[in-house]
């Protein structure tokens, strides 16, 4: 008889422990889901802000915008599941949305880096081409224009020099 009471007492203890532990687990799941949804919302706002800043440049972000919209839809589903008290599903949707947004941000940073690298290469090539063009101009100037300039200068000053000699010779004769 004592073993029946002990068995009954163990069952009552287990039941009371479950009634105490179960709400705590549910409460933790609820808090975790809510926190994950808030993090996903914050990440969505940051991602949209980055996309708006990049949209002004020539980077193609159409696929990233589509992925961001997909993540937004996951956040909406997470909020619906949270309101329906399905916290595990809400957490899963929010976690997937955050992961999707992380992928979008990583890809966006990669594309920005490539764009900056391309711009650096373009400006470097532009500088090299300008220096080469300047070198060709200087070579052309020294080779063609400067001798022409000296010739014209000698013609002009040569006449002046001759005149000067003529005027000084005329003054010496007197």
Protein backbone atom coordinates (compact mmCIF):
# COMPACT_ATOMS: atom_id res chain seq x y z
CA UNK A 1 0.00 0.00 0.00
CA UNK A 2 2.81 2.33 0.76
CA UNK A 3 4.25 1.79 -2.70
CA UNK A 4 0.94 2.95 -4.24
CA UNK A 5 1.06 6.14 -2.18
CA UNK A 6 4.66 6.70 -3.08
CA UNK A 7 3.85 6.19 -6.75
CA UNK A 8 0.90 8.61 -6.42
CA UNK A 9 3.12 11.13 -4.60
CA UNK A 10 5.76 10.89 -7.34
CA UNK A 11 3.12 11.45 -10.02
CA UNK A 12 1.73 14.47 -8.16
CA UNK A 13 5.26 15.91 -7.75
CA UNK A 14 5.99 15.40 -11.44
CA UNK A 15 2.70 17.00 -12.44
CA UNK A 16 3.28 20.00 -10.17
CA UNK A 17 6.83 20.40 -11.54
CA UNK A 18 5.46 20.32 -15.08
CA UNK A 19 2.88 22.97 -14.26
CA UNK A 20 5.63 25.18 -12.86
CA UNK A 21 8.20 24.50 -15.60
CA UNK A 22 5.88 24.55 -18.65
CA UNK A 23 4.84 28.22 -18.33
CA UNK A 24 8.48 29.17 -17.79
CA UNK A 25 9.51 27.36 -20.97
CA UNK A 26 6.61 28.94 -22.86
CA UNK A 27 7.53 32.34 -21.46
CA UNK A 28 11.15 31.89 -22.55
CA UNK A 29 10.05 30.77 -26.00
CA UNK A 30 7.76 33.78 -26.23
CA UNK A 31 10.52 36.17 -25.20
CA UNK A 32 13.02 34.57 -27.57
CA UNK A 33 10.55 34.80 -30.45
CA UNK A 34 9.76 38.43 -29.66
CA UNK A 35 13.46 39.33 -29.42
CA UNK A 36 14.22 37.57 -32.71
CA UNK A 37 11.35 39.37 -34.44
CA UNK A 38 12.63 42.72 -33.14
CA UNK A 39 16.15 41.92 -34.33
CA UNK A 40 14.81 40.97 -37.75
CA UNK A 41 12.85 44.25 -37.92
CA UNK A 42 15.97 46.23 -37.04
CA UNK A 43 18.03 44.32 -39.60
CA UNK A 44 15.34 44.97 -42.23
CA UNK A 45 15.45 48.72 -41.58
CA UNK A 46 19.26 48.74 -41.83
CA UNK A 47 19.17 46.72 -45.04
CA UNK A 48 16.57 48.96 -46.67
CA UNK A 49 18.62 52.01 -45.67
CA UNK A 50 21.73 50.50 -47.28
CA UNK A 51 19.79 49.64 -50.42
CA UNK A 52 18.48 53.21 -50.65
CA UNK A 53 22.00 54.61 -50.35
CA UNK A 54 23.34 52.24 -52.99
CA UNK A 55 20.42 52.78 -55.37
CA UNK A 56 21.92 56.16 -56.33
CA UNK A 57 24.99 54.48 -57.76
CA UNK A 58 25.23 52.28 -60.83
CA UNK A 59 25.18 49.01 -58.89
CA UNK A 60 22.52 46.49 -59.94
CA UNK A 61 20.55 45.63 -56.79
CA UNK A 62 17.29 44.32 -58.24
CA UNK A 63 17.82 40.76 -56.95
CA UNK A 64 18.83 42.10 -53.53
CA UNK A 65 15.62 44.11 -53.34
CA UNK A 66 13.64 40.96 -54.15
CA UNK A 67 15.47 39.01 -51.43
CA UNK A 68 14.85 41.85 -48.97
CA UNK A 69 11.16 41.77 -49.79
CA UNK A 70 11.15 38.01 -49.20
CA UNK A 71 12.73 38.59 -45.78
CA UNK A 72 10.08 41.24 -45.06
CA UNK A 73 7.38 38.70 -45.86
CA UNK A 74 9.01 36.23 -43.46
CA UNK A 75 8.93 38.88 -40.73
CA UNK A 76 5.24 39.47 -41.40
CA UNK A 77 4.62 35.72 -41.11
CA UNK A 78 6.63 35.65 -37.87
CA UNK A 79 4.46 38.42 -36.43
CA UNK A 80 1.30 36.58 -37.44
CA UNK A 81 2.53 33.37 -35.82
CA UNK A 82 3.56 35.29 -32.71
CA UNK A 83 0.09 36.84 -32.43
CA UNK A 84 -1.40 33.34 -32.81
CA UNK A 85 0.80 32.20 -29.87
CA UNK A 86 2.81 29.87 -32.08
CA UNK A 87 6.14 31.11 -30.76
CA UNK A 88 8.34 28.38 -32.19
CA UNK A 89 7.15 29.07 -35.73
CA UNK A 90 7.45 32.81 -35.14
CA UNK A 91 11.04 32.31 -33.99
CA UNK A 92 11.85 30.16 -37.04
CA UNK A 93 10.40 32.70 -39.48
CA UNK A 94 12.20 35.59 -37.81
CA UNK A 95 15.48 33.65 -37.71
CA UNK A 96 15.18 32.80 -41.43
CA UNK A 97 14.43 36.45 -42.21
CA UNK A 98 17.51 37.58 -40.29
CA UNK A 99 19.68 35.04 -42.11
CA UNK A 100 18.29 36.18 -45.47
CA UNK A 101 18.98 39.82 -44.61
CA UNK A 102 22.53 38.93 -43.54
CA UNK A 103 23.08 37.35 -46.95
CA UNK A 104 21.69 40.47 -48.66
CA UNK A 105 23.98 42.78 -46.65
CA UNK A 106 27.03 40.61 -47.36
CA UNK A 107 26.27 40.56 -51.08
CA UNK A 108 25.64 44.30 -51.06
CA UNK A 109 28.98 44.98 -49.38
CA UNK A 110 30.67 42.71 -51.92
CA UNK A 111 29.11 44.61 -54.82
CA UNK A 112 30.04 47.97 -53.30
CA UNK A 113 33.62 46.76 -52.94
CA UNK A 114 33.72 45.58 -56.55
CA UNK A 115 32.27 48.90 -57.72
CA UNK A 116 34.90 50.85 -55.77
CA UNK A 117 37.63 48.60 -57.17
CA UNK A 118 36.33 49.16 -60.71
CA UNK A 119 36.26 52.91 -60.13
CA UNK A 120 39.82 52.82 -58.82
CA UNK A 121 40.96 50.90 -61.89
CA UNK A 122 39.06 53.28 -64.18
CA UNK A 123 40.59 56.38 -62.59
CA UNK A 124 44.03 54.78 -62.63
CA UNK A 125 43.71 54.04 -66.33
CA UNK A 126 42.44 57.55 -66.91
CA UNK A 127 45.50 58.95 -65.11
CA UNK A 128 47.88 56.74 -67.10
CA UNK A 129 46.18 57.69 -70.36
CA UNK A 130 46.34 61.39 -69.44
CA UNK A 131 50.03 61.09 -68.60
CA UNK A 132 50.66 59.29 -71.88
CA UNK A 133 48.74 61.93 -73.80
CA UNK A 134 50.70 64.66 -72.02
CA UNK A 135 53.94 62.90 -72.91
CA UNK A 136 52.90 62.69 -76.58
CA UNK A 137 51.95 66.37 -76.54
CA UNK A 138 55.27 67.37 -74.99
CA UNK A 139 57.15 65.21 -77.48
CA UNK A 140 55.17 66.76 -80.36
CA UNK A 141 55.73 70.22 -78.92
CA UNK A 142 59.48 69.73 -78.56
CA UNK A 143 59.85 67.95 -81.88
CA UNK A 144 57.61 70.09 -84.09
CA UNK A 145 56.32 73.25 -82.49
CA UNK A 146 59.39 74.41 -80.60
CA UNK A 147 61.71 74.33 -83.63
CA UNK A 148 59.05 76.19 -85.60
CA UNK A 149 58.84 78.72 -82.78
CA UNK A 150 62.63 79.15 -82.75
CA UNK A 151 62.69 79.59 -86.50
CA UNK A 152 60.02 82.28 -86.37
CA UNK A 153 61.78 83.94 -83.46
CA UNK A 154 65.11 83.94 -85.31
CA UNK A 155 63.44 85.40 -88.38
CA UNK A 156 61.87 88.19 -86.34
CA UNK A 157 64.89 88.95 -84.17
CA UNK A 158 67.25 88.46 -87.10
CA UNK A 159 65.62 91.39 -88.84
CA UNK A 160 65.90 93.48 -85.71
CA UNK A 161 69.55 92.58 -85.37
CA UNK A 162 70.26 93.55 -88.95
CA UNK A 163 68.56 96.87 -88.47
CA UNK A 164 70.53 97.50 -85.38
CA UNK A 165 73.74 96.84 -87.21
CA UNK A 166 72.70 99.14 -90.01
CA UNK A 167 71.82 101.94 -87.59
CA UNK A 168 75.09 101.57 -85.67
CA UNK A 169 77.13 101.46 -88.91
CA UNK A 170 75.40 104.62 -90.10
CA UNK A 171 76.22 106.37 -86.84
CA UNK A 172 79.88 105.34 -87.00
CA UNK A 173 80.25 106.69 -90.53
CA UNK A 174 79.41 110.18 -89.41
